[in-house]
Amino acid sequence: MKQYNLQVMKKMFLSLAMITASMACFAQNEAFKSFTKHFSDTAAFAYANIGNRQVLLVSHETFGNNIDTNLEAVETSIFALDEKGKIVSLGSIRSQGTLYPVSMLDNKLMVAGHHFVKIYNIRGDVPELVLDSYEEGDYDNPKLKAMFEKFEKGNAVMFEKN
Protein backbone atom coordinates (compact mmCIF):
# COMPACT_ATOMS: atom_id res chain seq x y z
CA MET A 1 0.00 0.00 0.00
CA LYS A 2 1.36 3.39 -0.99
CA GLN A 3 1.69 6.05 1.72
CA TYR A 4 1.13 9.73 0.96
CA ASN A 5 2.60 12.70 2.71
CA LEU A 6 -0.15 14.33 4.82
CA GLN A 7 1.00 17.87 3.92
CA VAL A 8 0.88 17.07 0.20
CA MET A 9 -2.62 15.61 0.58
CA LYS A 10 -3.79 18.72 2.45
CA LYS A 11 -2.42 20.98 -0.28
CA MET A 12 -4.10 18.91 -2.97
CA PHE A 13 -7.41 19.01 -1.10
CA LEU A 14 -7.20 22.78 -0.57
CA SER A 15 -6.31 23.32 -4.23
CA LEU A 16 -9.29 21.24 -5.32
CA ALA A 17 -11.58 23.15 -2.93
CA MET A 18 -10.31 26.49 -4.27
CA ILE A 19 -10.81 25.37 -7.89
CA THR A 20 -14.36 24.21 -7.09
CA ALA A 21 -15.16 27.51 -5.35
CA SER A 22 -13.66 29.48 -8.25
CA MET A 23 -15.76 27.52 -10.75
CA ALA A 24 -18.91 28.24 -8.73
CA CYS A 25 -18.05 31.96 -8.62
CA PHE A 26 -17.35 31.93 -12.36
CA ALA A 27 -20.76 30.33 -13.04
CA GLN A 28 -22.45 32.97 -10.89
CA ASN A 29 -20.54 35.76 -12.61
CA GLU A 30 -21.54 34.39 -16.03
CA ALA A 31 -25.22 34.39 -15.01
CA PHE A 32 -24.87 37.92 -13.64
CA LYS A 33 -22.92 39.16 -16.70
CA SER A 34 -25.68 38.15 -19.08
CA PHE A 35 -28.19 39.79 -16.70
CA THR A 36 -26.31 43.11 -16.76
CA LYS A 37 -27.04 43.50 -20.48
CA HIS A 38 -30.66 44.30 -19.56
CA PHE A 39 -29.73 47.57 -17.84
CA SER A 40 -29.29 51.03 -19.37
CA ASP A 41 -25.90 52.54 -20.21
CA THR A 42 -26.01 54.59 -17.01
CA ALA A 43 -25.86 51.47 -14.81
CA ALA A 44 -22.65 50.51 -13.03
CA PHE A 45 -21.98 47.10 -11.50
CA ALA A 46 -20.01 45.48 -8.68
CA TYR A 47 -19.70 41.94 -7.36
CA ALA A 48 -19.54 41.41 -3.62
CA ASN A 49 -19.64 38.62 -1.08
CA ILE A 50 -22.33 39.46 1.46
CA GLY A 51 -22.83 36.95 4.22
CA ASN A 52 -21.99 33.67 2.51
CA ARG A 53 -23.42 34.66 -0.87
CA GLN A 54 -22.01 36.35 -3.95
CA VAL A 55 -24.23 39.18 -5.14
CA LEU A 56 -24.46 41.62 -8.01
CA LEU A 57 -24.81 45.27 -7.04
CA VAL A 58 -26.32 47.64 -9.61
CA SER A 59 -26.27 51.43 -9.27
CA HIS A 60 -27.50 54.28 -11.42
CA GLU A 61 -26.12 56.90 -9.02
CA THR A 62 -22.34 56.67 -9.12
CA PHE A 63 -19.58 59.21 -8.82
CA GLY A 64 -15.81 59.30 -9.19
CA ASN A 65 -12.93 60.73 -11.19
CA ASN A 66 -13.20 58.13 -13.95
CA ILE A 67 -16.24 57.76 -16.21
CA ASP A 68 -16.29 53.94 -16.33
CA THR A 69 -14.30 52.39 -13.46
CA ASN A 70 -13.56 52.85 -9.77
CA LEU A 71 -16.92 54.50 -9.21
CA GLU A 72 -18.54 54.82 -5.81
CA ALA A 73 -22.31 54.81 -5.34
CA VAL A 74 -24.90 56.42 -3.09
CA GLU A 75 -27.49 53.72 -3.82
CA THR A 76 -27.53 50.17 -5.08
CA SER A 77 -29.95 47.41 -5.97
CA ILE A 78 -28.90 43.96 -4.81
CA PHE A 79 -29.33 40.73 -6.80
CA ALA A 80 -28.45 37.14 -5.85
CA LEU A 81 -28.98 33.64 -7.16
CA ASP A 82 -31.64 31.62 -5.37
CA GLU A 83 -31.42 27.89 -4.64
CA LYS A 84 -32.61 27.12 -8.21
CA GLY A 85 -29.97 29.36 -9.83
CA LYS A 86 -32.48 32.10 -10.73
CA ILE A 87 -31.54 35.73 -10.23
CA VAL A 88 -33.69 37.40 -7.59
CA SER A 89 -33.88 41.00 -6.45
CA LEU A 90 -33.20 41.46 -2.74
CA GLY A 91 -34.07 45.16 -2.66
CA SER A 92 -32.04 48.32 -2.61
CA ILE A 93 -30.18 50.48 -0.10
CA ARG A 94 -29.34 54.19 -0.10
CA SER A 95 -26.90 56.46 1.71
CA GLN A 96 -27.32 60.16 2.24
CA GLY A 97 -24.85 61.45 -0.32
CA THR A 98 -21.32 61.20 -1.60
CA LEU A 99 -19.79 61.65 1.84
CA TYR A 100 -21.20 58.20 2.71
CA PRO A 101 -20.78 55.83 -0.27
CA VAL A 102 -22.15 52.30 -0.19
CA SER A 103 -19.46 50.43 1.74
CA MET A 104 -18.51 46.99 3.02
CA LEU A 105 -16.96 45.63 6.18
CA ASP A 106 -16.86 42.00 7.38
CA ASN A 107 -18.92 40.81 4.38
CA LYS A 108 -21.75 43.22 5.20
CA LEU A 109 -23.09 46.21 3.26
CA MET A 110 -23.22 49.60 4.96
CA VAL A 111 -24.83 52.95 4.25
CA ALA A 112 -24.90 56.09 6.34
CA GLY A 113 -26.15 59.65 6.50
CA HIS A 114 -25.66 62.67 8.71
CA HIS A 115 -27.60 61.07 11.60
CA PHE A 116 -27.79 57.32 10.84
CA VAL A 117 -25.80 54.19 10.01
CA LYS A 118 -27.32 50.96 8.64
CA ILE A 119 -25.53 47.63 8.23
CA TYR A 120 -27.08 44.89 6.06
CA ASN A 121 -26.45 41.19 5.65
CA ILE A 122 -27.91 38.41 3.47
CA ARG A 123 -29.21 35.28 5.13
CA GLY A 124 -31.02 32.08 4.33
CA ASP A 125 -31.15 29.45 1.61
CA VAL A 126 -33.70 31.66 -0.09
CA PRO A 127 -31.60 34.84 0.00
CA GLU A 128 -33.03 37.67 2.06
CA LEU A 129 -31.57 41.12 2.73
CA VAL A 130 -31.76 41.83 6.45
CA LEU A 131 -30.94 44.91 8.49
CA ASP A 132 -28.24 43.70 10.90
CA SER A 133 -27.64 46.96 12.77
CA TYR A 134 -29.21 50.38 12.76
CA GLU A 135 -28.59 53.47 14.82
CA GLU A 136 -29.80 57.03 14.43
CA GLY A 137 -29.83 60.19 16.49
CA ASP A 138 -27.61 63.07 17.42
CA TYR A 139 -23.84 62.97 17.32
CA ASP A 140 -23.62 62.87 21.12
CA ASN A 141 -25.30 59.43 21.06
CA PRO A 142 -22.47 57.00 21.98
CA LYS A 143 -24.08 54.10 20.07
CA LEU A 144 -24.31 56.21 16.91
CA LYS A 145 -20.72 57.36 17.36
CA ALA A 146 -19.59 53.71 17.61
CA MET A 147 -21.56 52.85 14.45
CA PHE A 148 -19.93 55.75 12.56
CA GLU A 149 -16.51 54.52 13.68
CA LYS A 150 -17.40 51.08 12.32
CA PHE A 151 -18.63 52.61 9.04
CA GLU A 152 -15.35 54.51 8.66
CA LYS A 153 -13.39 51.23 8.93
CA GLY A 154 -15.22 49.88 5.87
CA ASN A 155 -14.25 50.25 2.23
CA ALA A 156 -16.37 51.87 -0.44
CA VAL A 157 -17.72 49.37 -2.97
CA MET A 158 -16.15 50.07 -6.37
CA PHE A 159 -18.50 49.92 -9.36
CA GLU A 160 -17.72 49.89 -13.04
CA LYS A 161 -19.73 50.22 -16.21
CA ASN A 162 -19.86 47.46 -18.81
C-alpha atoms as a PDB file:
ATOM      1  CA  MET A   1       0.000   0.000   0.000  1.00  0.00           C
ATOM      2  CA  LYS A   2       1.359   3.386  -0.990  1.00  0.00           C
ATOM      3  CA  GLN A   3       1.689   6.047   1.725  1.00  0.00           C
ATOM      4  CA  TYR A   4       1.131   9.726   0.963  1.00  0.00           C
ATOM      5  CA  ASN A   5       2.602  12.700   2.710  1.00  0.00           C
ATOM      6  CA  LEU A   6      -0.152  14.330   4.820  1.00  0.00           C
ATOM      7  CA  GLN A   7       1.000  17.866   3.915  1.00  0.00           C
ATOM      8  CA  VAL A   8       0.877  17.067   0.196  1.00  0.00           C
ATOM      9  CA  MET A   9      -2.621  15.613   0.580  1.00  0.00           C
ATOM     10  CA  LYS A  10      -3.794  18.725   2.455  1.00  0.00           C
ATOM     11  CA  LYS A  11      -2.417  20.980  -0.281  1.00  0.00           C
ATOM     12  CA  MET A  12      -4.096  18.905  -2.971  1.00  0.00           C
ATOM     13  CA  PHE A  13      -7.413  19.010  -1.097  1.00  0.00           C
ATOM     14  CA  LEU A  14      -7.195  22.783  -0.566  1.00  0.00           C
ATOM     15  CA  SER A  15      -6.308  23.318  -4.226  1.00  0.00           C
ATOM     16  CA  LEU A  16      -9.287  21.235  -5.318  1.00  0.00           C
ATOM     17  CA  ALA A  17     -11.580  23.147  -2.933  1.00  0.00           C
ATOM     18  CA  MET A  18     -10.309  26.493  -4.274  1.00  0.00           C
ATOM     19  CA  ILE A  19     -10.814  25.374  -7.890  1.00  0.00           C
ATOM     20  CA  THR A  20     -14.357  24.206  -7.089  1.00  0.00           C
ATOM     21  CA  ALA A  21     -15.159  27.512  -5.354  1.00  0.00           C
ATOM     22  CA  SER A  22     -13.663  29.480  -8.251  1.00  0.00           C
ATOM     23  CA  MET A  23     -15.759  27.519 -10.753  1.00  0.00           C
ATOM     24  CA  ALA A  24     -18.914  28.242  -8.730  1.00  0.00           C
ATOM     25  CA  CYS A  25     -18.049  31.964  -8.624  1.00  0.00           C
ATOM     26  CA  PHE A  26     -17.349  31.927 -12.364  1.00  0.00           C
ATOM     27  CA  ALA A  27     -20.755  30.328 -13.037  1.00  0.00           C
ATOM     28  CA  GLN A  28     -22.453  32.971 -10.888  1.00  0.00           C
ATOM     29  CA  ASN A  29     -20.537  35.758 -12.613  1.00  0.00           C
ATOM     30  CA  GLU A  30     -21.544  34.395 -16.030  1.00  0.00           C
ATOM     31  CA  ALA A  31     -25.221  34.393 -15.006  1.00  0.00           C
ATOM     32  CA  PHE A  32     -24.872  37.921 -13.638  1.00  0.00           C
ATOM     33  CA  LYS A  33     -22.923  39.161 -16.696  1.00  0.00           C
ATOM     34  CA  SER A  34     -25.681  38.147 -19.080  1.00  0.00           C
ATOM     35  CA  PHE A  35     -28.187  39.786 -16.696  1.00  0.00           C
ATOM     36  CA  THR A  36     -26.307  43.113 -16.763  1.00  0.00           C
ATOM     37  CA  LYS A  37     -27.043  43.497 -20.477  1.00  0.00           C
ATOM     38  CA  HIS A  38     -30.660  44.304 -19.558  1.00  0.00           C
ATOM     39  CA  PHE A  39     -29.732  47.575 -17.839  1.00  0.00           C
ATOM     40  CA  SER A  40     -29.288  51.027 -19.369  1.00  0.00           C
ATOM     41  CA  ASP A  41     -25.895  52.536 -20.210  1.00  0.00           C
ATOM     42  CA  THR A  42     -26.010  54.585 -17.009  1.00  0.00           C
ATOM     43  CA  ALA A  43     -25.861  51.470 -14.807  1.00  0.00           C
ATOM     44  CA  ALA A  44     -22.652  50.505 -13.033  1.00  0.00           C
ATOM     45  CA  PHE A  45     -21.981  47.099 -11.497  1.00  0.00           C
ATOM     46  CA  ALA A  46     -20.014  45.480  -8.679  1.00  0.00           C
ATOM     47  CA  TYR A  47     -19.695  41.938  -7.362  1.00  0.00           C
ATOM     48  CA  ALA A  48     -19.540  41.411  -3.620  1.00  0.00           C
ATOM     49  CA  ASN A  49     -19.639  38.617  -1.075  1.00  0.00           C
ATOM     50  CA  ILE A  50     -22.329  39.458   1.456  1.00  0.00           C
ATOM     51  CA  GLY A  51     -22.826  36.951   4.219  1.00  0.00           C
ATOM     52  CA  ASN A  52     -21.990  33.670   2.513  1.00  0.00           C
ATOM     53  CA  ARG A  53     -23.418  34.658  -0.867  1.00  0.00           C
ATOM     54  CA  GLN A  54     -22.015  36.352  -3.946  1.00  0.00           C
ATOM     55  CA  VAL A  55     -24.234  39.180  -5.143  1.00  0.00           C
ATOM     56  CA  LEU A  56     -24.456  41.619  -8.011  1.00  0.00           C
ATOM     57  CA  LEU A  57     -24.810  45.269  -7.038  1.00  0.00           C
ATOM     58  CA  VAL A  58     -26.316  47.641  -9.613  1.00  0.00           C
ATOM     59  CA  SER A  59     -26.273  51.425  -9.270  1.00  0.00           C
ATOM     60  CA  HIS A  60     -27.498  54.283 -11.423  1.00  0.00           C
ATOM     61  CA  GLU A  61     -26.120  56.896  -9.018  1.00  0.00           C
ATOM     62  CA  THR A  62     -22.339  56.666  -9.123  1.00  0.00           C
ATOM     63  CA  PHE A  63     -19.581  59.210  -8.822  1.00  0.00           C
ATOM     64  CA  GLY A  64     -15.814  59.296  -9.194  1.00  0.00           C
ATOM     65  CA  ASN A  65     -12.934  60.725 -11.194  1.00  0.00           C
ATOM     66  CA  ASN A  66     -13.204  58.130 -13.949  1.00  0.00           C
ATOM     67  CA  ILE A  67     -16.235  57.763 -16.206  1.00  0.00           C
ATOM     68  CA  ASP A  68     -16.286  53.936 -16.330  1.00  0.00           C
ATOM     69  CA  THR A  69     -14.299  52.392 -13.463  1.00  0.00           C
ATOM     70  CA  ASN A  70     -13.557  52.847  -9.765  1.00  0.00           C
ATOM     71  CA  LEU A  71     -16.917  54.499  -9.214  1.00  0.00           C
ATOM     72  CA  GLU A  72     -18.544  54.823  -5.815  1.00  0.00           C
ATOM     73  CA  ALA A  73     -22.310  54.806  -5.335  1.00  0.00           C
ATOM     74  CA  VAL A  74     -24.905  56.421  -3.087  1.00  0.00           C
ATOM     75  CA  GLU A  75     -27.486  53.725  -3.824  1.00  0.00           C
ATOM     76  CA  THR A  76     -27.527  50.168  -5.084  1.00  0.00           C
ATOM     77  CA  SER A  77     -29.948  47.411  -5.966  1.00  0.00           C
ATOM     78  CA  ILE A  78     -28.901  43.958  -4.806  1.00  0.00           C
ATOM     79  CA  PHE A  79     -29.326  40.727  -6.800  1.00  0.00           C
ATOM     80  CA  ALA A  80     -28.453  37.144  -5.849  1.00  0.00           C
ATOM     81  CA  LEU A  81     -28.977  33.641  -7.156  1.00  0.00           C
ATOM     82  CA  ASP A  82     -31.645  31.618  -5.372  1.00  0.00           C
ATOM     83  CA  GLU A  83     -31.425  27.892  -4.643  1.00  0.00           C
ATOM     84  CA  LYS A  84     -32.610  27.124  -8.209  1.00  0.00           C
ATOM     85  CA  GLY A  85     -29.975  29.361  -9.826  1.00  0.00           C
ATOM     86  CA  LYS A  86     -32.475  32.096 -10.731  1.00  0.00           C
ATOM     87  CA  ILE A  87     -31.536  35.735 -10.234  1.00  0.00           C
ATOM     88  CA  VAL A  88     -33.690  37.396  -7.594  1.00  0.00           C
ATOM     89  CA  SER A  89     -33.883  41.003  -6.446  1.00  0.00           C
ATOM     90  CA  LEU A  90     -33.201  41.464  -2.743  1.00  0.00           C
ATOM     91  CA  GLY A  91     -34.067  45.164  -2.661  1.00  0.00           C
ATOM     92  CA  SER A  92     -32.042  48.325  -2.608  1.00  0.00           C
ATOM     93  CA  ILE A  93     -30.185  50.479  -0.103  1.00  0.00           C
ATOM     94  CA  ARG A  94     -29.338  54.190  -0.101  1.00  0.00           C
ATOM     95  CA  SER A  95     -26.901  56.455   1.708  1.00  0.00           C
ATOM     96  CA  GLN A  96     -27.321  60.164   2.241  1.00  0.00           C
ATOM     97  CA  GLY A  97     -24.852  61.449  -0.320  1.00  0.00           C
ATOM     98  CA  THR A  98     -21.317  61.202  -1.605  1.00  0.00           C
ATOM     99  CA  LEU A  99     -19.787  61.646   1.840  1.00  0.00           C
ATOM    100  CA  TYR A 100     -21.197  58.198   2.713  1.00  0.00           C
ATOM    101  CA  PRO A 101     -20.782  55.828  -0.273  1.00  0.00           C
ATOM    102  CA  VAL A 102     -22.152  52.295  -0.187  1.00  0.00           C
ATOM    103  CA  SER A 103     -19.455  50.425   1.735  1.00  0.00           C
ATOM    104  CA  MET A 104     -18.508  46.989   3.019  1.00  0.00           C
ATOM    105  CA  LEU A 105     -16.964  45.626   6.176  1.00  0.00           C
ATOM    106  CA  ASP A 106     -16.863  42.005   7.382  1.00  0.00           C
ATOM    107  CA  ASN A 107     -18.922  40.808   4.377  1.00  0.00           C
ATOM    108  CA  LYS A 108     -21.750  43.218   5.197  1.00  0.00           C
ATOM    109  CA  LEU A 109     -23.089  46.209   3.256  1.00  0.00           C
ATOM    110  CA  MET A 110     -23.220  49.596   4.964  1.00  0.00           C
ATOM    111  CA  VAL A 111     -24.833  52.947   4.248  1.00  0.00           C
ATOM    112  CA  ALA A 112     -24.905  56.094   6.338  1.00  0.00           C
ATOM    113  CA  GLY A 113     -26.148  59.651   6.499  1.00  0.00           C
ATOM    114  CA  HIS A 114     -25.660  62.668   8.714  1.00  0.00           C
ATOM    115  CA  HIS A 115     -27.597  61.065  11.596  1.00  0.00           C
ATOM    116  CA  PHE A 116     -27.787  57.324  10.840  1.00  0.00           C
ATOM    117  CA  VAL A 117     -25.799  54.191  10.008  1.00  0.00           C
ATOM    118  CA  LYS A 118     -27.321  50.957   8.635  1.00  0.00           C
ATOM    119  CA  ILE A 119     -25.532  47.629   8.229  1.00  0.00           C
ATOM    120  CA  TYR A 120     -27.075  44.891   6.061  1.00  0.00           C
ATOM    121  CA  ASN A 121     -26.452  41.186   5.646  1.00  0.00           C
ATOM    122  CA  ILE A 122     -27.908  38.414   3.474  1.00  0.00           C
ATOM    123  CA  ARG A 123     -29.205  35.281   5.132  1.00  0.00           C
ATOM    124  CA  GLY A 124     -31.016  32.076   4.327  1.00  0.00           C
ATOM    125  CA  ASP A 125     -31.155  29.449   1.607  1.00  0.00           C
ATOM    126  CA  VAL A 126     -33.698  31.663  -0.095  1.00  0.00           C
ATOM    127  CA  PRO A 127     -31.603  34.837  -0.004  1.00  0.00           C
ATOM    128  CA  GLU A 128     -33.032  37.668   2.056  1.00  0.00           C
ATOM    129  CA  LEU A 129     -31.570  41.118   2.727  1.00  0.00           C
ATOM    130  CA  VAL A 130     -31.756  41.834   6.451  1.00  0.00           C
ATOM    131  CA  LEU A 131     -30.943  44.910   8.493  1.00  0.00           C
ATOM    132  CA  ASP A 132     -28.241  43.705  10.901  1.00  0.00           C
ATOM    133  CA  SER A 133     -27.636  46.959  12.773  1.00  0.00           C
ATOM    134  CA  TYR A 134     -29.208  50.381  12.759  1.00  0.00           C
ATOM    135  CA  GLU A 135     -28.587  53.469  14.816  1.00  0.00           C
ATOM    136  CA  GLU A 136     -29.795  57.030  14.435  1.00  0.00           C
ATOM    137  CA  GLY A 137     -29.833  60.187  16.489  1.00  0.00           C
ATOM    138  CA  ASP A 138     -27.610  63.066  17.425  1.00  0.00           C
ATOM    139  CA  TYR A 139     -23.837  62.970  17.322  1.00  0.00           C
ATOM    140  CA  ASP A 140     -23.621  62.865  21.116  1.00  0.00           C
ATOM    141  CA  ASN A 141     -25.300  59.432  21.061  1.00  0.00           C
ATOM    142  CA  PRO A 142     -22.475  56.998  21.985  1.00  0.00           C
ATOM    143  CA  LYS A 143     -24.080  54.105  20.074  1.00  0.00           C
ATOM    144  CA  LEU A 144     -24.305  56.206  16.911  1.00  0.00           C
ATOM    145  CA  LYS A 145     -20.718  57.361  17.358  1.00  0.00           C
ATOM    146  CA  ALA A 146     -19.591  53.711  17.606  1.00  0.00           C
ATOM    147  CA  MET A 147     -21.560  52.850  14.449  1.00  0.00           C
ATOM    148  CA  PHE A 148     -19.926  55.745  12.561  1.00  0.00           C
ATOM    149  CA  GLU A 149     -16.511  54.522  13.681  1.00  0.00           C
ATOM    150  CA  LYS A 150     -17.402  51.079  12.320  1.00  0.00           C
ATOM    151  CA  PHE A 151     -18.630  52.614   9.037  1.00  0.00           C
ATOM    152  CA  GLU A 152     -15.350  54.512   8.663  1.00  0.00           C
ATOM    153  CA  LYS A 153     -13.393  51.227   8.927  1.00  0.00           C
ATOM    154  CA  GLY A 154     -15.220  49.879   5.866  1.00  0.00           C
ATOM    155  CA  ASN A 155     -14.248  50.251   2.226  1.00  0.00           C
ATOM    156  CA  ALA A 156     -16.371  51.872  -0.437  1.00  0.00           C
ATOM    157  CA  VAL A 157     -17.716  49.374  -2.971  1.00  0.00           C
ATOM    158  CA  MET A 158     -16.149  50.070  -6.371  1.00  0.00           C
ATOM    159  CA  PHE A 159     -18.495  49.919  -9.356  1.00  0.00           C
ATOM    160  CA  GLU A 160     -17.719  49.895 -13.036  1.00  0.00           C
ATOM    161  CA  LYS A 161     -19.726  50.224 -16.209  1.00  0.00           C
ATOM    162  CA  ASN A 162     -19.864  47.458 -18.811  1.00  0.00           C
END
